Structures are given as structure tokens and as C-alpha cells.
C-alpha atoms as a PDB file:
ATOM      1  CA  MET A   1      -2.326 -17.250  30.974  1.00  0.00           C
ATOM      2  CA  GLU A   2       0.051 -15.345  33.237  1.00  0.00           C
ATOM      3  CA  ASN A   3       2.132 -14.529  30.167  1.00  0.00           C
ATOM      4  CA  TYR A   4      -0.862 -12.971  28.419  1.00  0.00           C
ATOM      5  CA  LYS A   5      -1.820 -11.088  31.580  1.00  0.00           C
ATOM      6  CA  GLU A   6       1.671  -9.605  31.750  1.00  0.00           C
ATOM      7  CA  MET A   7       1.619  -8.777  28.021  1.00  0.00           C
ATOM      8  CA  PHE A   8      -1.667  -6.922  27.973  1.00  0.00           C
ATOM      9  CA  ILE A   9      -1.665  -5.312  31.433  1.00  0.00           C
ATOM     10  CA  GLU A  10       1.772  -5.168  33.027  1.00  0.00           C
ATOM     11  CA  ASP A  11       4.256  -4.706  30.188  1.00  0.00           C
ATOM     12  CA  PRO A  12       4.223  -1.199  28.639  1.00  0.00           C
ATOM     13  CA  LYS A  13       7.032  -2.146  26.232  1.00  0.00           C
ATOM     14  CA  PHE A  14       4.766  -4.742  24.661  1.00  0.00           C
ATOM     15  CA  TRP A  15       2.235  -2.138  23.546  1.00  0.00           C
ATOM     16  CA  HIS A  16       5.022   0.268  22.610  1.00  0.00           C
ATOM     17  CA  SER A  17       6.662  -2.291  20.322  1.00  0.00           C
ATOM     18  CA  PHE A  18       3.304  -3.239  18.834  1.00  0.00           C
ATOM     19  CA  GLY A  19       2.435   0.412  18.185  1.00  0.00           C
ATOM     20  CA  ILE A  20       5.812   1.135  16.580  1.00  0.00           C
ATOM     21  CA  THR A  21       5.418  -1.926  14.356  1.00  0.00           C
ATOM     22  CA  CYS A  22       1.912  -0.908  13.278  1.00  0.00           C
ATOM     23  CA  LEU A  23       3.178   2.582  12.400  1.00  0.00           C
ATOM     24  CA  TYR A  24       6.071   1.062  10.472  1.00  0.00           C
ATOM     25  CA  VAL A  25       3.731  -1.205   8.487  1.00  0.00           C
ATOM     26  CA  VAL A  26       1.091   1.468   7.826  1.00  0.00           C
ATOM     27  CA  VAL A  27       3.693   3.876   6.396  1.00  0.00           C
ATOM     28  CA  SER A  28       6.208   1.573   4.701  1.00  0.00           C
ATOM     29  CA  VAL A  29       3.874  -0.866   2.923  1.00  0.00           C
ATOM     30  CA  PRO A  30       1.854   1.713   0.916  1.00  0.00           C
ATOM     31  CA  LEU A  31       5.010   3.669   0.042  1.00  0.00           C
ATOM     32  CA  ARG A  32       6.763   0.514  -1.126  1.00  0.00           C
ATOM     33  CA  LEU A  33       3.806  -0.570  -3.261  1.00  0.00           C
ATOM     34  CA  ILE A  34       3.376   2.885  -4.816  1.00  0.00           C
ATOM     35  CA  PHE A  35       7.058   3.126  -5.647  1.00  0.00           C
ATOM     36  CA  ALA A  36       7.122  -0.449  -6.984  1.00  0.00           C
ATOM     37  CA  LEU A  37       4.119   0.213  -9.236  1.00  0.00           C
ATOM     38  CA  LEU A  38       5.646   3.445 -10.531  1.00  0.00           C
ATOM     39  CA  VAL A  39       8.918   1.757 -11.450  1.00  0.00           C
ATOM     40  CA  ALA A  40       7.084  -1.245 -12.938  1.00  0.00           C
ATOM     41  CA  MET A  41       5.103   1.050 -15.229  1.00  0.00           C
ATOM     42  CA  ILE A  42       8.321   2.730 -16.364  1.00  0.00           C
ATOM     43  CA  LEU A  43      10.048  -0.606 -17.003  1.00  0.00           C
ATOM     44  CA  SER A  44       7.032  -2.027 -18.831  1.00  0.00           C
ATOM     45  CA  LYS A  45       8.166  -0.038 -21.867  1.00  0.00           C
ATOM     46  CA  THR A  46      10.477  -2.396 -23.728  1.00  0.00           C
ATOM     47  CA  THR A  47      13.946  -1.117 -24.678  1.00  0.00           C
ATOM     48  CA  LYS A  48      17.304  -2.751 -25.344  1.00  0.00           C
ATOM     49  CA  LEU A  49      18.368  -2.228 -21.726  1.00  0.00           C
ATOM     50  CA  THR A  50      15.081  -3.200 -20.092  1.00  0.00           C
ATOM     51  CA  GLY A  51      16.486  -6.522 -18.813  1.00  0.00           C
ATOM     52  CA  LEU A  52      19.460  -4.740 -17.236  1.00  0.00           C
ATOM     53  CA  TYR A  53      17.239  -2.124 -15.602  1.00  0.00           C
ATOM     54  CA  ARG A  54      14.978  -4.813 -14.126  1.00  0.00           C
ATOM     55  CA  ALA A  55      17.958  -6.668 -12.672  1.00  0.00           C
ATOM     56  CA  VAL A  56      19.423  -3.470 -11.187  1.00  0.00           C
ATOM     57  CA  TYR A  57      16.117  -2.506  -9.552  1.00  0.00           C
ATOM     58  CA  TYR A  58      15.671  -6.010  -8.130  1.00  0.00           C
ATOM     59  CA  ILE A  59      19.113  -6.152  -6.497  1.00  0.00           C
ATOM     60  CA  PRO A  60      18.051  -4.122  -3.388  1.00  0.00           C
ATOM     61  CA  SER A  61      15.414  -6.757  -2.596  1.00  0.00           C
ATOM     62  CA  LEU A  62      18.061  -9.470  -2.689  1.00  0.00           C
ATOM     63  CA  LEU A  63      20.447  -7.518  -0.459  1.00  0.00           C
ATOM     64  CA  GLY A  64      18.182  -5.235   1.568  1.00  0.00           C
ATOM     65  CA  GLY A  65      17.607  -7.600   4.487  1.00  0.00           C
ATOM     66  CA  SER A  66      21.246  -8.669   4.798  1.00  0.00           C
ATOM     67  CA  VAL A  67      23.544  -7.754   7.645  1.00  0.00           C
ATOM     68  CA  ALA A  68      25.981  -5.959   5.326  1.00  0.00           C
ATOM     69  CA  VAL A  69      23.376  -3.608   3.867  1.00  0.00           C
ATOM     70  CA  SER A  70      21.936  -2.863   7.306  1.00  0.00           C
ATOM     71  CA  VAL A  71      25.416  -1.886   8.506  1.00  0.00           C
ATOM     72  CA  LEU A  72      25.887   0.241   5.382  1.00  0.00           C
ATOM     73  CA  TRP A  73      22.501   1.906   5.976  1.00  0.00           C
ATOM     74  CA  LYS A  74      23.583   2.701   9.524  1.00  0.00           C
ATOM     75  CA  ARG A  75      26.712   4.397   8.203  1.00  0.00           C
ATOM     76  CA  ILE A  76      24.865   6.350   5.511  1.00  0.00           C
ATOM     77  CA  PHE A  77      22.561   7.978   8.074  1.00  0.00           C
ATOM     78  CA  SER A  78      25.206   8.601  10.744  1.00  0.00           C
ATOM     79  CA  ASP A  79      26.397  12.115  11.633  1.00  0.00           C
ATOM     80  CA  THR A  80      29.356  11.687   9.232  1.00  0.00           C
ATOM     81  CA  GLY A  81      27.428   9.703   6.641  1.00  0.00           C
ATOM     82  CA  ALA A  82      26.470  10.269   3.027  1.00  0.00           C
ATOM     83  CA  VAL A  83      23.126  11.928   3.809  1.00  0.00           C
ATOM     84  CA  ASN A  84      24.713  14.825   5.693  1.00  0.00           C
ATOM     85  CA  ALA A  85      27.435  15.071   3.030  1.00  0.00           C
ATOM     86  CA  ILE A  86      24.801  15.440   0.303  1.00  0.00           C
ATOM     87  CA  LEU A  87      22.950  18.053   2.342  1.00  0.00           C
ATOM     88  CA  ARG A  88      26.175  20.064   2.654  1.00  0.00           C
ATOM     89  CA  LEU A  89      26.454  20.130  -1.137  1.00  0.00           C
ATOM     90  CA  PHE A  90      23.196  22.087  -1.150  1.00  0.00           C
ATOM     91  CA  GLY A  91      24.349  24.454   1.579  1.00  0.00           C
ATOM     92  CA  ILE A  92      22.529  22.651   4.393  1.00  0.00           C
ATOM     93  CA  TYR A  93      25.036  21.975   7.153  1.00  0.00           C
ATOM     94  CA  SER A  94      23.804  19.188   9.377  1.00  0.00           C
ATOM     95  CA  ASP A  95      25.549  16.974  11.910  1.00  0.00           C
ATOM     96  CA  THR A  96      22.394  15.040  12.755  1.00  0.00           C
ATOM     97  CA  ASN A  97      22.787  11.367  13.521  1.00  0.00           C
ATOM     98  CA  TRP A  98      19.595  10.257  11.771  1.00  0.00           C
ATOM     99  CA  ILE A  99      19.856   6.756  13.225  1.00  0.00           C
ATOM    100  CA  GLY A 100      20.617   8.033  16.724  1.00  0.00           C
ATOM    101  CA  ASN A 101      17.771  10.563  16.805  1.00  0.00           C
ATOM    102  CA  PRO A 102      14.512   9.095  18.216  1.00  0.00           C
ATOM    103  CA  ASP A 103      12.503  11.430  15.973  1.00  0.00           C
ATOM    104  CA  THR A 104      14.088  10.206  12.722  1.00  0.00           C
ATOM    105  CA  ALA A 105      15.321   6.675  13.481  1.00  0.00           C
ATOM    106  CA  LEU A 106      12.105   4.967  12.410  1.00  0.00           C
ATOM    107  CA  LEU A 107      12.032   7.057   9.230  1.00  0.00           C
ATOM    108  CA  THR A 108      15.407   5.646   8.174  1.00  0.00           C
ATOM    109  CA  LEU A 109      14.078   2.131   8.703  1.00  0.00           C
ATOM    110  CA  ILE A 110      11.008   2.944   6.589  1.00  0.00           C
ATOM    111  CA  LEU A 111      13.263   4.273   3.805  1.00  0.00           C
ATOM    112  CA  LEU A 112      15.186   1.004   3.870  1.00  0.00           C
ATOM    113  CA  ALA A 113      11.931  -0.927   3.532  1.00  0.00           C
ATOM    114  CA  VAL A 114      10.817   1.233   0.592  1.00  0.00           C
ATOM    115  CA  TRP A 115      14.227   0.721  -1.041  1.00  0.00           C
ATOM    116  CA  GLN A 116      13.489  -3.021  -1.060  1.00  0.00           C
ATOM    117  CA  PHE A 117      10.699  -2.707  -3.611  1.00  0.00           C
ATOM    118  CA  GLY A 118      12.167  -5.097  -6.192  1.00  0.00           C
ATOM    119  CA  SER A 119      10.037  -8.184  -5.538  1.00  0.00           C
ATOM    120  CA  SER A 120       6.788  -6.192  -5.605  1.00  0.00           C
ATOM    121  CA  MET A 121       7.978  -4.404  -8.724  1.00  0.00           C
ATOM    122  CA  LEU A 122       8.534  -7.667 -10.606  1.00  0.00           C
ATOM    123  CA  ILE A 123       5.075  -8.926  -9.634  1.00  0.00           C
ATOM    124  CA  PHE A 124       3.508  -5.639 -10.769  1.00  0.00           C
ATOM    125  CA  LEU A 125       5.478  -5.857 -14.002  1.00  0.00           C
ATOM    126  CA  ALA A 126       4.129  -9.342 -14.678  1.00  0.00           C
ATOM    127  CA  GLY A 127       0.605  -8.091 -13.969  1.00  0.00           C
ATOM    128  CA  LEU A 128       0.997  -5.151 -16.347  1.00  0.00           C
ATOM    129  CA  LYS A 129       2.093  -7.509 -19.118  1.00  0.00           C
ATOM    130  CA  GLN A 130      -1.180  -9.454 -18.718  1.00  0.00           C
ATOM    131  CA  ILE A 131      -3.431  -6.448 -19.384  1.00  0.00           C
ATOM    132  CA  PRO A 132      -4.721  -6.712 -22.975  1.00  0.00           C
ATOM    133  CA  ARG A 133      -3.437  -3.881 -25.186  1.00  0.00           C
ATOM    134  CA  THR A 134      -6.834  -3.722 -26.887  1.00  0.00           C
ATOM    135  CA  TYR A 135      -8.248  -1.977 -23.805  1.00  0.00           C
ATOM    136  CA  TYR A 136      -5.765   0.872 -24.169  1.00  0.00           C
ATOM    137  CA  GLU A 137      -6.317   1.041 -27.919  1.00  0.00           C
ATOM    138  CA  ALA A 138     -10.062   1.374 -27.397  1.00  0.00           C
ATOM    139  CA  ALA A 139      -9.446   4.070 -24.797  1.00  0.00           C
ATOM    140  CA  ASP A 140      -7.225   5.956 -27.253  1.00  0.00           C
ATOM    141  CA  VAL A 141     -10.005   5.846 -29.830  1.00  0.00           C
ATOM    142  CA  ASP A 142     -12.395   7.315 -27.253  1.00  0.00           C
ATOM    143  CA  GLY A 143      -9.905  10.075 -26.503  1.00  0.00           C
ATOM    144  CA  ALA A 144      -9.029   8.970 -22.970  1.00  0.00           C
ATOM    145  CA  LYS A 145      -6.110  10.729 -21.308  1.00  0.00           C
ATOM    146  CA  PRO A 146      -3.219   8.852 -19.584  1.00  0.00           C
ATOM    147  CA  VAL A 147      -4.621   9.585 -16.119  1.00  0.00           C
ATOM    148  CA  GLN A 148      -8.047   8.265 -17.136  1.00  0.00           C
ATOM    149  CA  LYS A 149      -6.506   5.106 -18.600  1.00  0.00           C
ATOM    150  CA  PHE A 150      -4.541   4.549 -15.405  1.00  0.00           C
ATOM    151  CA  PHE A 151      -7.563   4.780 -13.102  1.00  0.00           C
ATOM    152  CA  LYS A 152     -10.113   3.181 -15.440  1.00  0.00           C
ATOM    153  CA  ILE A 153      -8.007   0.368 -16.940  1.00  0.00           C
ATOM    154  CA  THR A 154      -4.640  -0.177 -15.262  1.00  0.00           C
ATOM    155  CA  LEU A 155      -5.677  -0.070 -11.595  1.00  0.00           C
ATOM    156  CA  PRO A 156      -8.851  -2.211 -11.953  1.00  0.00           C
ATOM    157  CA  MET A 157      -7.061  -4.821 -14.072  1.00  0.00           C
ATOM    158  CA  LEU A 158      -4.095  -4.793 -11.700  1.00  0.00           C
ATOM    159  CA  SER A 159      -6.195  -5.003  -8.513  1.00  0.00           C
ATOM    160  CA  PRO A 160      -5.612  -8.776  -7.967  1.00  0.00           C
ATOM    161  CA  VAL A 161      -1.854  -8.173  -8.089  1.00  0.00           C
ATOM    162  CA  ILE A 162      -2.182  -5.186  -5.767  1.00  0.00           C
ATOM    163  CA  PHE A 163      -4.174  -7.346  -3.368  1.00  0.00           C
ATOM    164  CA  PHE A 164      -1.525 -10.088  -3.411  1.00  0.00           C
ATOM    165  CA  ASN A 165       1.329  -7.629  -2.850  1.00  0.00           C
ATOM    166  CA  LEU A 166      -0.596  -5.854  -0.097  1.00  0.00           C
ATOM    167  CA  VAL A 167      -1.171  -9.051   1.876  1.00  0.00           C
ATOM    168  CA  MET A 168       2.375 -10.357   1.426  1.00  0.00           C
ATOM    169  CA  GLN A 169       4.088  -7.060   2.208  1.00  0.00           C
ATOM    170  CA  THR A 170       1.908  -6.516   5.287  1.00  0.00           C
ATOM    171  CA  ILE A 171       2.928  -9.906   6.646  1.00  0.00           C
ATOM    172  CA  THR A 172       6.573  -9.176   5.834  1.00  0.00           C
ATOM    173  CA  GLY A 173       6.339  -5.788   7.551  1.00  0.00           C
ATOM    174  CA  PHE A 174       5.105  -7.271  10.826  1.00  0.00           C
ATOM    175  CA  MET A 175       7.937  -9.816  10.710  1.00  0.00           C
ATOM    176  CA  THR A 176      10.732  -7.263  10.160  1.00  0.00           C
ATOM    177  CA  PHE A 177      13.701  -8.164  12.338  1.00  0.00           C
ATOM    178  CA  THR A 178      17.161  -8.169  10.737  1.00  0.00           C
ATOM    179  CA  GLN A 179      17.281  -4.493   9.834  1.00  0.00           C
ATOM    180  CA  THR A 180      16.172  -3.172  13.218  1.00  0.00           C
ATOM    181  CA  PHE A 181      18.389  -5.673  15.055  1.00  0.00           C
ATOM    182  CA  ILE A 182      21.534  -4.565  13.200  1.00  0.00           C
ATOM    183  CA  ILE A 183      20.800  -0.834  13.079  1.00  0.00           C
ATOM    184  CA  SER A 184      19.890  -0.601  16.786  1.00  0.00           C
ATOM    185  CA  ASN A 185      22.524  -3.127  17.940  1.00  0.00           C
ATOM    186  CA  GLY A 186      19.737  -5.403  19.136  1.00  0.00           C
ATOM    187  CA  SER A 187      18.446  -2.934  21.728  1.00  0.00           C
ATOM    188  CA  GLY A 188      15.787  -0.983  19.852  1.00  0.00           C
ATOM    189  CA  ALA A 189      17.684   2.242  20.578  1.00  0.00           C
ATOM    190  CA  PRO A 190      17.463   5.176  20.573  1.00  0.00           C
ATOM    191  CA  LEU A 191      14.849   5.321  23.330  1.00  0.00           C
ATOM    192  CA  ASP A 192      13.151   2.184  21.976  1.00  0.00           C
ATOM    193  CA  SER A 193      12.179   4.053  18.781  1.00  0.00           C
ATOM    194  CA  LEU A 194      13.305   1.010  16.749  1.00  0.00           C
ATOM    195  CA  LEU A 195      11.938  -1.614  19.120  1.00  0.00           C
ATOM    196  CA  LEU A 196       9.813  -3.436  16.567  1.00  0.00           C
ATOM    197  CA  TYR A 197       7.665  -6.330  17.709  1.00  0.00           C
ATOM    198  CA  ALA A 198       9.906  -9.093  16.315  1.00  0.00           C
ATOM    199  CA  LEU A 199      12.956  -7.560  18.009  1.00  0.00           C
ATOM    200  CA  TYR A 200      11.199  -7.321  21.370  1.00  0.00           C
ATOM    201  CA  LEU A 201      10.029 -10.914  20.987  1.00  0.00           C
ATOM    202  CA  TYR A 202      13.638 -11.939  20.305  1.00  0.00           C
ATOM    203  CA  GLN A 203      14.849 -10.057  23.367  1.00  0.00           C
ATOM    204  CA  GLN A 204      12.351 -11.789  25.623  1.00  0.00           C
ATOM    205  CA  ALA A 205      12.797 -15.287  24.206  1.00  0.00           C
ATOM    206  CA  PHE A 206      16.524 -15.395  23.475  1.00  0.00           C
ATOM    207  CA  GLY A 207      17.916 -12.466  25.478  1.00  0.00           C
ATOM    208  CA  TYR A 208      16.158 -13.112  28.796  1.00  0.00           C
ATOM    209  CA  TYR A 209      15.408 -16.805  28.051  1.00  0.00           C
ATOM    210  CA  ARG A 210      11.690 -16.271  28.649  1.00  0.00           C
ATOM    211  CA  MET A 211      10.546 -18.748  26.019  1.00  0.00           C
ATOM    212  CA  GLY A 212       6.991 -18.919  27.345  1.00  0.00           C
ATOM    213  CA  TYR A 213       6.572 -15.144  27.154  1.00  0.00           C
ATOM    214  CA  GLY A 214       8.157 -15.047  23.715  1.00  0.00           C
ATOM    215  CA  SER A 215       5.845 -17.815  22.516  1.00  0.00           C
ATOM    216  CA  ALA A 216       2.822 -15.937  23.843  1.00  0.00           C
ATOM    217  CA  MET A 217       3.955 -12.861  21.912  1.00  0.00           C
ATOM    218  CA  ALA A 218       4.359 -14.969  18.784  1.00  0.00           C
ATOM    219  CA  TRP A 219       0.829 -16.362  19.120  1.00  0.00           C
ATOM    220  CA  PHE A 220      -0.560 -12.834  19.534  1.00  0.00           C
ATOM    221  CA  MET A 221       1.182 -11.688  16.362  1.00  0.00           C
ATOM    222  CA  LEU A 222      -0.098 -14.763  14.521  1.00  0.00           C
ATOM    223  CA  VAL A 223      -3.659 -13.835  15.505  1.00  0.00           C
ATOM    224  CA  ILE A 224      -3.168 -10.197  14.433  1.00  0.00           C
ATOM    225  CA  ILE A 225      -1.701 -11.144  11.038  1.00  0.00           C
ATOM    226  CA  GLY A 226      -4.415 -13.747  10.533  1.00  0.00           C
ATOM    227  CA  ALA A 227      -7.137 -11.221  11.372  1.00  0.00           C
ATOM    228  CA  LEU A 228      -5.701  -8.597   9.021  1.00  0.00           C
ATOM    229  CA  THR A 229      -5.378 -11.151   6.228  1.00  0.00           C
ATOM    230  CA  ALA A 230      -8.956 -12.312   6.763  1.00  0.00           C
ATOM    231  CA  LEU A 231     -10.124  -8.686   6.712  1.00  0.00           C
ATOM    232  CA  ALA A 232      -8.281  -8.113   3.443  1.00  0.00           C
ATOM    233  CA  PHE A 233      -9.950 -11.151   1.860  1.00  0.00           C
ATOM    234  CA  LYS A 234     -13.335 -10.112   3.259  1.00  0.00           C
ATOM    235  CA  THR A 235     -13.140  -6.639   1.752  1.00  0.00           C
ATOM    236  CA  SER A 236     -11.487  -7.710  -1.498  1.00  0.00           C
ATOM    237  CA  SER A 237     -14.821  -8.350  -3.203  1.00  0.00           C
ATOM    238  CA  SER A 238     -15.546  -4.607  -3.148  1.00  0.00           C
ATOM    239  CA  TRP A 239     -12.323  -3.460  -4.838  1.00  0.00           C
ATOM    240  CA  VAL A 240     -10.561  -6.430  -6.462  1.00  0.00           C
ATOM    241  CA  TYR A 241     -11.640  -7.136 -10.031  1.00  0.00           C
ATOM    242  CA  TYR A 242     -11.258 -10.648 -11.460  1.00  0.00           C
ATOM    243  CA  GLU A 243     -11.848 -10.785 -15.219  1.00  0.00           C
ATOM    244  CA  SER A 244     -12.921 -14.424 -15.116  1.00  0.00           C
ATOM    245  CA  LYS A 245     -15.288 -13.950 -12.170  1.00  0.00           C
ATOM    246  CA  GLU A 246     -18.868 -14.778 -12.989  1.00  0.00           C
ATOM    247  CA  GLU A 247     -21.447 -12.103 -12.346  1.00  0.00           C
END
């Protein structure tokens, strides 16, 4: 109980890391899902190179959490990296170290998370393939526009897949560790702007050998993820449509 007392009352870094992680999840998860759905809808149109395109878009999800890509991401957003070089091509001369700036460091981590949209994209693509074409044909007969078909047919029919991706990506977001560990050199720098919850837990448990405190932090995160998942299931009946569900 002393561990929990220290967590909730005496340790300001605990709440800081939890707040940063919540912000990271709230911003990155919706952006990743929106981008994944957009690409899935584009790739749902069958062409000769569709298989190649799907493989190319999925590669970031296979590599995005690796040490090598995290190091590469750190270089891209450094003061001499590709981002500043591209800005100079447009006449914007910047020597900003995007990773080293507390105001932009978390943004770079969010962009990395959004870049890893491949797994969600494939699940969305499978869901789109399951929507009967007759619905769209009937909508065409009624004169429905593309936007109307998207909101009246695609989104409702895809809501179970959206629900699945939302739950899984939220859990993944709270567990993010490798990227922030590599990019911040395991410290959460600059100024603890990248001190995500999993990294702070690692520091306490394996950096300071406070296994009891680290375990208490892990239990707290388990409760939070469980509560959010339960809330998602509780509210799903109001927005998730199951075709086989009995009225």
C-alpha cells in the first residue's frame, strides 16, 4: 500500500507520465484509424498492383516498433535531418531539433505511431470486402452521393471492425515503449516530454530496481486499460451495428 500511496500522492512524475500517455493515445489512435481507413478504401479498388500496394503499406507496421526504425526516426527529425532539408526546399530555413524540442517531441512520436497503420488497414480492408455490393447498387439507384453512401452504408457496416481496431489500438497505445525508449535514450527527454507510462515503469522497475513500485504501476495500468475496454463494450450497443443481431 505504501507503493500506491507514493504513486498517487508523492510522485509527480507518475501523474506526468500518465497524462503524457493519455494525450499520446487520445491523439495517435484516432489519427491512425482514420488514416488506415482512408488507405483501406483506396486499396479496396482492385488493380493489377493492388497486392504490391498492400504489402508496401503494411511494411511500416512490421518495422515501426523496431530499434532500427526508431533510430532512423530520431535522425529524420534531428536538426540536420530530412524534415529540415525538405523544409529548406520550400524556402523555410529551420534548424529545429524536433526530437530535442519539448514542444514538438511528442508530436514526432505520434507521427511514428500514425505511420504504423498497416495492421489496422488490413483489418479495415477485410471488413470492406465483407460489405455486400448490393447495398451500394441500391444506393446508386436511389441517387445517393459518395458521401451519403460512406456515412449511411460503409461506416455502419464497418462499425464492428472499427470497434475492434479501437480497442486493440488503445491497448497498444498505452503499452508503447520501444519507440520512446530509443528516441529519448531511455530518459524520457527532453524535459520528460517523452516519458510515457511504460518507460517510467521500466525506469522504476529495472533502472532503480524498485520492482514493487513497478509492479504497482503495472497493476494500475491494467485497471485503467480494463476500465476503458469495459466502457467501450458498454457503449458499443449504441453505435456498433451487427447485421446478425436480433432485434
